[in-house]
Amino acid sequence: MKVRCFSPCPFEVGEMIYIDGGKRQGDWRVVAIDDNKITLRCPMSGRVFTWSRFCYEVGDIERPVFID
């Protein structure tokens, strides 16, 4: 059975990222990270937001079928 696999992204402080879709869509600079939160700054407006860390889809993977 194919299942979607999501993995935490290994962010690095200072890197630029682009989020494709959703309320966070756009370009961001990573300004702080800890085990639970990530802080991003918009390079255009300078606004800073801290959110719970979120995951990114990495694709489909094959998993065994389990019967409930």
PDB file of N, CA and C in Angstrom:
ATOM      1  N   MET A   1       0.852  -1.171   0.000  1.00  0.00           N
ATOM      2  CA  MET A   1       0.000   0.000   0.000  1.00  0.00           C
ATOM      3  C   MET A   1       0.896   1.231   0.000  1.00  0.00           C
ATOM      4  N   LYS A   2       0.539   2.231  -0.819  1.00  0.00           N
ATOM      5  CA  LYS A   2       1.283   3.491  -0.815  1.00  0.00           C
ATOM      6  C   LYS A   2       0.710   4.401   0.253  1.00  0.00           C
ATOM      7  N   VAL A   3       1.591   5.031   1.007  1.00  0.00           N
ATOM      8  CA  VAL A   3       1.202   6.036   1.994  1.00  0.00           C
ATOM      9  C   VAL A   3       2.061   7.275   1.761  1.00  0.00           C
ATOM     10  N   ARG A   4       1.524   8.440   2.097  1.00  0.00           N
ATOM     11  CA  ARG A   4       2.315   9.662   1.990  1.00  0.00           C
ATOM     12  C   ARG A   4       3.266   9.740   3.165  1.00  0.00           C
ATOM     13  N   CYS A   5       4.493  10.092   2.874  1.00  0.00           N
ATOM     14  CA  CYS A   5       5.522  10.185   3.908  1.00  0.00           C
ATOM     15  C   CYS A   5       5.854  11.658   4.126  1.00  0.00           C
ATOM     16  N   PHE A   6       5.775  12.110   5.375  1.00  0.00           N
ATOM     17  CA  PHE A   6       6.136  13.473   5.740  1.00  0.00           C
ATOM     18  C   PHE A   6       7.328  13.409   6.678  1.00  0.00           C
ATOM     19  N   SER A   7       8.266  14.320   6.473  1.00  0.00           N
ATOM     20  CA  SER A   7       9.478  14.344   7.278  1.00  0.00           C
ATOM     21  C   SER A   7       9.760  15.760   7.741  1.00  0.00           C
ATOM     22  N   PRO A   8      10.268  15.912   8.967  1.00  0.00           N
ATOM     23  CA  PRO A   8      10.681  17.255   9.387  1.00  0.00           C
ATOM     24  C   PRO A   8      11.819  17.729   8.485  1.00  0.00           C
ATOM     25  N   CYS A   9      11.755  18.970   8.091  1.00  0.00           N
ATOM     26  CA  CYS A   9      12.798  19.532   7.246  1.00  0.00           C
ATOM     27  C   CYS A   9      13.980  19.966   8.121  1.00  0.00           C
ATOM     28  N   PRO A  10      15.186  19.624   7.722  1.00  0.00           N
ATOM     29  CA  PRO A  10      16.367  20.025   8.508  1.00  0.00           C
ATOM     30  C   PRO A  10      16.760  21.471   8.202  1.00  0.00           C
ATOM     31  N   PHE A  11      16.004  22.414   8.765  1.00  0.00           N
ATOM     32  CA  PHE A  11      16.264  23.836   8.530  1.00  0.00           C
ATOM     33  C   PHE A  11      17.622  24.247   9.090  1.00  0.00           C
ATOM     34  N   GLU A  12      18.186  25.294   8.491  1.00  0.00           N
ATOM     35  CA  GLU A  12      19.415  25.902   9.005  1.00  0.00           C
ATOM     36  C   GLU A  12      19.186  27.408   9.135  1.00  0.00           C
ATOM     37  N   VAL A  13      19.619  27.979  10.255  1.00  0.00           N
ATOM     38  CA  VAL A  13      19.499  29.422  10.457  1.00  0.00           C
ATOM     39  C   VAL A  13      20.226  30.139   9.325  1.00  0.00           C
ATOM     40  N   GLY A  14      19.566  31.149   8.757  1.00  0.00           N
ATOM     41  CA  GLY A  14      20.147  31.946   7.688  1.00  0.00           C
ATOM     42  C   GLY A  14      19.731  31.527   6.295  1.00  0.00           C
ATOM     43  N   GLU A  15      19.213  30.322   6.138  1.00  0.00           N
ATOM     44  CA  GLU A  15      18.858  29.883   4.786  1.00  0.00           C
ATOM     45  C   GLU A  15      17.547  30.507   4.327  1.00  0.00           C
ATOM     46  N   MET A  16      17.430  30.679   3.023  1.00  0.00           N
ATOM     47  CA  MET A  16      16.208  31.161   2.403  1.00  0.00           C
ATOM     48  C   MET A  16      15.385  29.949   1.990  1.00  0.00           C
ATOM     49  N   ILE A  17      14.072  30.024   2.244  1.00  0.00           N
ATOM     50  CA  ILE A  17      13.179  28.946   1.847  1.00  0.00           C
ATOM     51  C   ILE A  17      11.992  29.547   1.104  1.00  0.00           C
ATOM     52  N   TYR A  18      11.304  28.726   0.337  1.00  0.00           N
ATOM     53  CA  TYR A  18      10.071  29.127  -0.322  1.00  0.00           C
ATOM     54  C   TYR A  18       9.004  28.125   0.055  1.00  0.00           C
ATOM     55  N   ILE A  19       7.875  28.599   0.571  1.00  0.00           N
ATOM     56  CA  ILE A  19       6.753  27.738   0.928  1.00  0.00           C
ATOM     57  C   ILE A  19       5.723  27.864  -0.186  1.00  0.00           C
ATOM     58  N   ASP A  20       5.364  26.734  -0.773  1.00  0.00           N
ATOM     59  CA  ASP A  20       4.470  26.697  -1.929  1.00  0.00           C
ATOM     60  C   ASP A  20       3.061  26.364  -1.483  1.00  0.00           C
ATOM     61  N   GLY A  21       2.254  27.389  -1.236  1.00  0.00           N
ATOM     62  CA  GLY A  21       0.855  27.187  -0.890  1.00  0.00           C
ATOM     63  C   GLY A  21       0.551  27.442   0.576  1.00  0.00           C
ATOM     64  N   GLY A  22      -0.737  27.625   0.855  1.00  0.00           N
ATOM     65  CA  GLY A  22      -1.191  27.830   2.217  1.00  0.00           C
ATOM     66  C   GLY A  22      -0.974  29.249   2.701  1.00  0.00           C
ATOM     67  N   LYS A  23      -1.318  29.470   3.972  1.00  0.00           N
ATOM     68  CA  LYS A  23      -1.227  30.820   4.535  1.00  0.00           C
ATOM     69  C   LYS A  23       0.212  31.294   4.711  1.00  0.00           C
ATOM     70  N   ARG A  24       1.169  30.390   4.663  1.00  0.00           N
ATOM     71  CA  ARG A  24       2.584  30.757   4.827  1.00  0.00           C
ATOM     72  C   ARG A  24       3.312  30.874   3.498  1.00  0.00           C
ATOM     73  N   GLN A  25       2.582  30.838   2.389  1.00  0.00           N
ATOM     74  CA  GLN A  25       3.193  30.832   1.065  1.00  0.00           C
ATOM     75  C   GLN A  25       4.109  32.022   0.866  1.00  0.00           C
ATOM     76  N   GLY A  26       5.246  31.766   0.247  1.00  0.00           N
ATOM     77  CA  GLY A  26       6.160  32.842  -0.108  1.00  0.00           C
ATOM     78  C   GLY A  26       7.589  32.569   0.294  1.00  0.00           C
ATOM     79  N   ASP A  27       8.404  33.603   0.142  1.00  0.00           N
ATOM     80  CA  ASP A  27       9.824  33.538   0.486  1.00  0.00           C
ATOM     81  C   ASP A  27      10.028  33.896   1.943  1.00  0.00           C
ATOM     82  N   TRP A  28      10.943  33.174   2.592  1.00  0.00           N
ATOM     83  CA  TRP A  28      11.241  33.387   4.002  1.00  0.00           C
ATOM     84  C   TRP A  28      12.722  33.162   4.265  1.00  0.00           C
ATOM     85  N   ARG A  29      13.221  33.834   5.302  1.00  0.00           N
ATOM     86  CA  ARG A  29      14.562  33.537   5.821  1.00  0.00           C
ATOM     87  C   ARG A  29      14.375  32.906   7.190  1.00  0.00           C
ATOM     88  N   VAL A  30      15.076  31.805   7.433  1.00  0.00           N
ATOM     89  CA  VAL A  30      15.037  31.131   8.736  1.00  0.00           C
ATOM     90  C   VAL A  30      15.918  31.926   9.687  1.00  0.00           C
ATOM     91  N   VAL A  31      15.327  32.424  10.803  1.00  0.00           N
ATOM     92  CA  VAL A  31      16.110  33.241  11.739  1.00  0.00           C
ATOM     93  C   VAL A  31      16.337  32.559  13.084  1.00  0.00           C
ATOM     94  N   ALA A  32      15.556  31.531  13.413  1.00  0.00           N
ATOM     95  CA  ALA A  32      15.774  30.794  14.669  1.00  0.00           C
ATOM     96  C   ALA A  32      15.043  29.451  14.574  1.00  0.00           C
ATOM     97  N   ILE A  33      15.604  28.461  15.237  1.00  0.00           N
ATOM     98  CA  ILE A  33      15.008  27.119  15.262  1.00  0.00           C
ATOM     99  C   ILE A  33      15.264  26.518  16.641  1.00  0.00           C
ATOM    100  N   ASP A  34      14.279  25.786  17.135  1.00  0.00           N
ATOM    101  CA  ASP A  34      14.527  24.918  18.287  1.00  0.00           C
ATOM    102  C   ASP A  34      13.780  23.611  18.029  1.00  0.00           C
ATOM    103  N   ASP A  35      13.682  22.750  19.025  1.00  0.00           N
ATOM    104  CA  ASP A  35      13.050  21.445  18.813  1.00  0.00           C
ATOM    105  C   ASP A  35      11.581  21.552  18.432  1.00  0.00           C
ATOM    106  N   ASN A  36      10.902  22.622  18.850  1.00  0.00           N
ATOM    107  CA  ASN A  36       9.463  22.731  18.633  1.00  0.00           C
ATOM    108  C   ASN A  36       9.021  23.894  17.755  1.00  0.00           C
ATOM    109  N   LYS A  37       9.817  24.926  17.651  1.00  0.00           N
ATOM    110  CA  LYS A  37       9.408  26.155  16.948  1.00  0.00           C
ATOM    111  C   LYS A  37      10.422  26.542  15.884  1.00  0.00           C
ATOM    112  N   ILE A  38       9.917  27.268  14.871  1.00  0.00           N
ATOM    113  CA  ILE A  38      10.776  27.865  13.848  1.00  0.00           C
ATOM    114  C   ILE A  38      10.353  29.328  13.705  1.00  0.00           C
ATOM    115  N   THR A  39      11.336  30.210  13.587  1.00  0.00           N
ATOM    116  CA  THR A  39      11.058  31.625  13.401  1.00  0.00           C
ATOM    117  C   THR A  39      11.532  32.008  12.006  1.00  0.00           C
ATOM    118  N   LEU A  40      10.588  32.614  11.242  1.00  0.00           N
ATOM    119  CA  LEU A  40      10.863  33.013   9.867  1.00  0.00           C
ATOM    120  C   LEU A  40      10.638  34.505   9.714  1.00  0.00           C
ATOM    121  N   ARG A  41      11.454  35.136   8.849  1.00  0.00           N
ATOM    122  CA  ARG A  41      11.291  36.561   8.557  1.00  0.00           C
ATOM    123  C   ARG A  41      11.046  36.716   7.062  1.00  0.00           C
ATOM    124  N   CYS A  42      10.049  37.516   6.720  1.00  0.00           N
ATOM    125  CA  CYS A  42       9.761  37.833   5.322  1.00  0.00           C
ATOM    126  C   CYS A  42      10.828  38.812   4.836  1.00  0.00           C
ATOM    127  N   PRO A  43      11.538  38.499   3.746  1.00  0.00           N
ATOM    128  CA  PRO A  43      12.585  39.399   3.270  1.00  0.00           C
ATOM    129  C   PRO A  43      12.041  40.691   2.659  1.00  0.00           C
ATOM    130  N   MET A  44      10.775  40.706   2.289  1.00  0.00           N
ATOM    131  CA  MET A  44      10.183  41.907   1.685  1.00  0.00           C
ATOM    132  C   MET A  44       9.670  42.883   2.752  1.00  0.00           C
ATOM    133  N   SER A  45       8.849  42.365   3.678  1.00  0.00           N
ATOM    134  CA  SER A  45       8.217  43.243   4.672  1.00  0.00           C
ATOM    135  C   SER A  45       9.018  43.331   5.967  1.00  0.00           C
ATOM    136  N   GLY A  46       9.881  42.351   6.213  1.00  0.00           N
ATOM    137  CA  GLY A  46      10.627  42.309   7.465  1.00  0.00           C
ATOM    138  C   GLY A  46       9.835  41.720   8.624  1.00  0.00           C
ATOM    139  N   ARG A  47       8.566  41.364   8.377  1.00  0.00           N
ATOM    140  CA  ARG A  47       7.738  40.787   9.448  1.00  0.00           C
ATOM    141  C   ARG A  47       8.309  39.444   9.872  1.00  0.00           C
ATOM    142  N   VAL A  48       8.223  39.166  11.162  1.00  0.00           N
ATOM    143  CA  VAL A  48       8.776  37.946  11.748  1.00  0.00           C
ATOM    144  C   VAL A  48       7.647  37.149  12.391  1.00  0.00           C
ATOM    145  N   PHE A  49       7.655  35.833  12.149  1.00  0.00           N
ATOM    146  CA  PHE A  49       6.651  34.944  12.712  1.00  0.00           C
ATOM    147  C   PHE A  49       7.335  33.730  13.313  1.00  0.00           C
ATOM    148  N   THR A  50       6.801  33.279  14.443  1.00  0.00           N
ATOM    149  CA  THR A  50       7.268  32.035  15.055  1.00  0.00           C
ATOM    150  C   THR A  50       6.113  31.056  15.045  1.00  0.00           C
ATOM    151  N   TRP A  51       6.360  29.897  14.462  1.00  0.00           N
ATOM    152  CA  TRP A  51       5.341  28.853  14.341  1.00  0.00           C
ATOM    153  C   TRP A  51       5.876  27.542  14.886  1.00  0.00           C
ATOM    154  N   SER A  52       4.960  26.651  15.232  1.00  0.00           N
ATOM    155  CA  SER A  52       5.361  25.282  15.526  1.00  0.00           C
ATOM    156  C   SER A  52       6.012  24.735  14.266  1.00  0.00           C
ATOM    157  N   ARG A  53       7.036  23.913  14.453  1.00  0.00           N
ATOM    158  CA  ARG A  53       7.705  23.338  13.278  1.00  0.00           C
ATOM    159  C   ARG A  53       6.718  22.529  12.474  1.00  0.00           C
ATOM    160  N   PHE A  54       6.830  22.589  11.186  1.00  0.00           N
ATOM    161  CA  PHE A  54       5.913  21.876  10.317  1.00  0.00           C
ATOM    162  C   PHE A  54       6.719  20.960   9.407  1.00  0.00           C
ATOM    163  N   CYS A  55       6.021  20.044   8.781  1.00  0.00           N
ATOM    164  CA  CYS A  55       6.664  19.023   7.967  1.00  0.00           C
ATOM    165  C   CYS A  55       6.462  19.303   6.480  1.00  0.00           C
ATOM    166  N   TYR A  56       7.230  18.635   5.694  1.00  0.00           N
ATOM    167  CA  TYR A  56       7.123  18.727   4.254  1.00  0.00           C
ATOM    168  C   TYR A  56       6.889  17.341   3.685  1.00  0.00           C
ATOM    169  N   GLU A  57       6.053  17.267   2.671  1.00  0.00           N
ATOM    170  CA  GLU A  57       5.824  16.000   1.991  1.00  0.00           C
ATOM    171  C   GLU A  57       7.066  15.644   1.202  1.00  0.00           C
ATOM    172  N   VAL A  58       7.514  14.413   1.352  1.00  0.00           N
ATOM    173  CA  VAL A  58       8.662  13.969   0.586  1.00  0.00           C
ATOM    174  C   VAL A  58       8.293  12.949  -0.468  1.00  0.00           C
ATOM    175  N   GLY A  59       7.065  12.490  -0.480  1.00  0.00           N
ATOM    176  CA  GLY A  59       6.625  11.578  -1.524  1.00  0.00           C
ATOM    177  C   GLY A  59       5.899  10.374  -0.980  1.00  0.00           C
ATOM    178  N   ASP A  60       5.574   9.471  -1.889  1.00  0.00           N
ATOM    179  CA  ASP A  60       4.897   8.231  -1.508  1.00  0.00           C
ATOM    180  C   ASP A  60       5.925   7.162  -1.213  1.00  0.00           C
ATOM    181  N   ILE A  61       5.610   6.323  -0.251  1.00  0.00           N
ATOM    182  CA  ILE A  61       6.468   5.191   0.077  1.00  0.00           C
ATOM    183  C   ILE A  61       5.606   3.938   0.150  1.00  0.00           C
ATOM    184  N   GLU A  62       6.208   2.799  -0.052  1.00  0.00           N
ATOM    185  CA  GLU A  62       5.495   1.538   0.066  1.00  0.00           C
ATOM    186  C   GLU A  62       5.528   1.076   1.525  1.00  0.00           C
ATOM    187  N   ARG A  63       4.368   0.683   2.038  1.00  0.00           N
ATOM    188  CA  ARG A  63       4.251   0.183   3.406  1.00  0.00           C
ATOM    189  C   ARG A  63       3.441  -1.100   3.376  1.00  0.00           C
ATOM    190  N   PRO A  64       3.654  -1.991   4.322  1.00  0.00           N
ATOM    191  CA  PRO A  64       2.819  -3.188   4.379  1.00  0.00           C
ATOM    192  C   PRO A  64       1.387  -2.833   4.703  1.00  0.00           C
ATOM    193  N   VAL A  65       0.464  -3.639   4.233  1.00  0.00           N
ATOM    194  CA  VAL A  65      -0.953  -3.422   4.506  1.00  0.00           C
ATOM    195  C   VAL A  65      -1.278  -4.040   5.846  1.00  0.00           C
ATOM    196  N   PHE A  66      -1.881  -3.262   6.747  1.00  0.00           N
ATOM    197  CA  PHE A  66      -2.308  -3.772   8.046  1.00  0.00           C
ATOM    198  C   PHE A  66      -3.813  -3.794   8.087  1.00  0.00           C
ATOM    199  N   ILE A  67      -4.374  -4.848   8.589  1.00  0.00           N
ATOM    200  CA  ILE A  67      -5.825  -4.981   8.719  1.00  0.00           C
ATOM    201  C   ILE A  67      -6.200  -4.619  10.139  1.00  0.00           C
ATOM    202  N   ASP A  68      -7.159  -3.700  10.291  1.00  0.00           N
ATOM    203  CA  ASP A  68      -7.588  -3.254  11.621  1.00  0.00           C
ATOM    204  C   ASP A  68      -8.435  -4.312  12.285  1.00  0.00           C
TER     205      ASP A  68
END
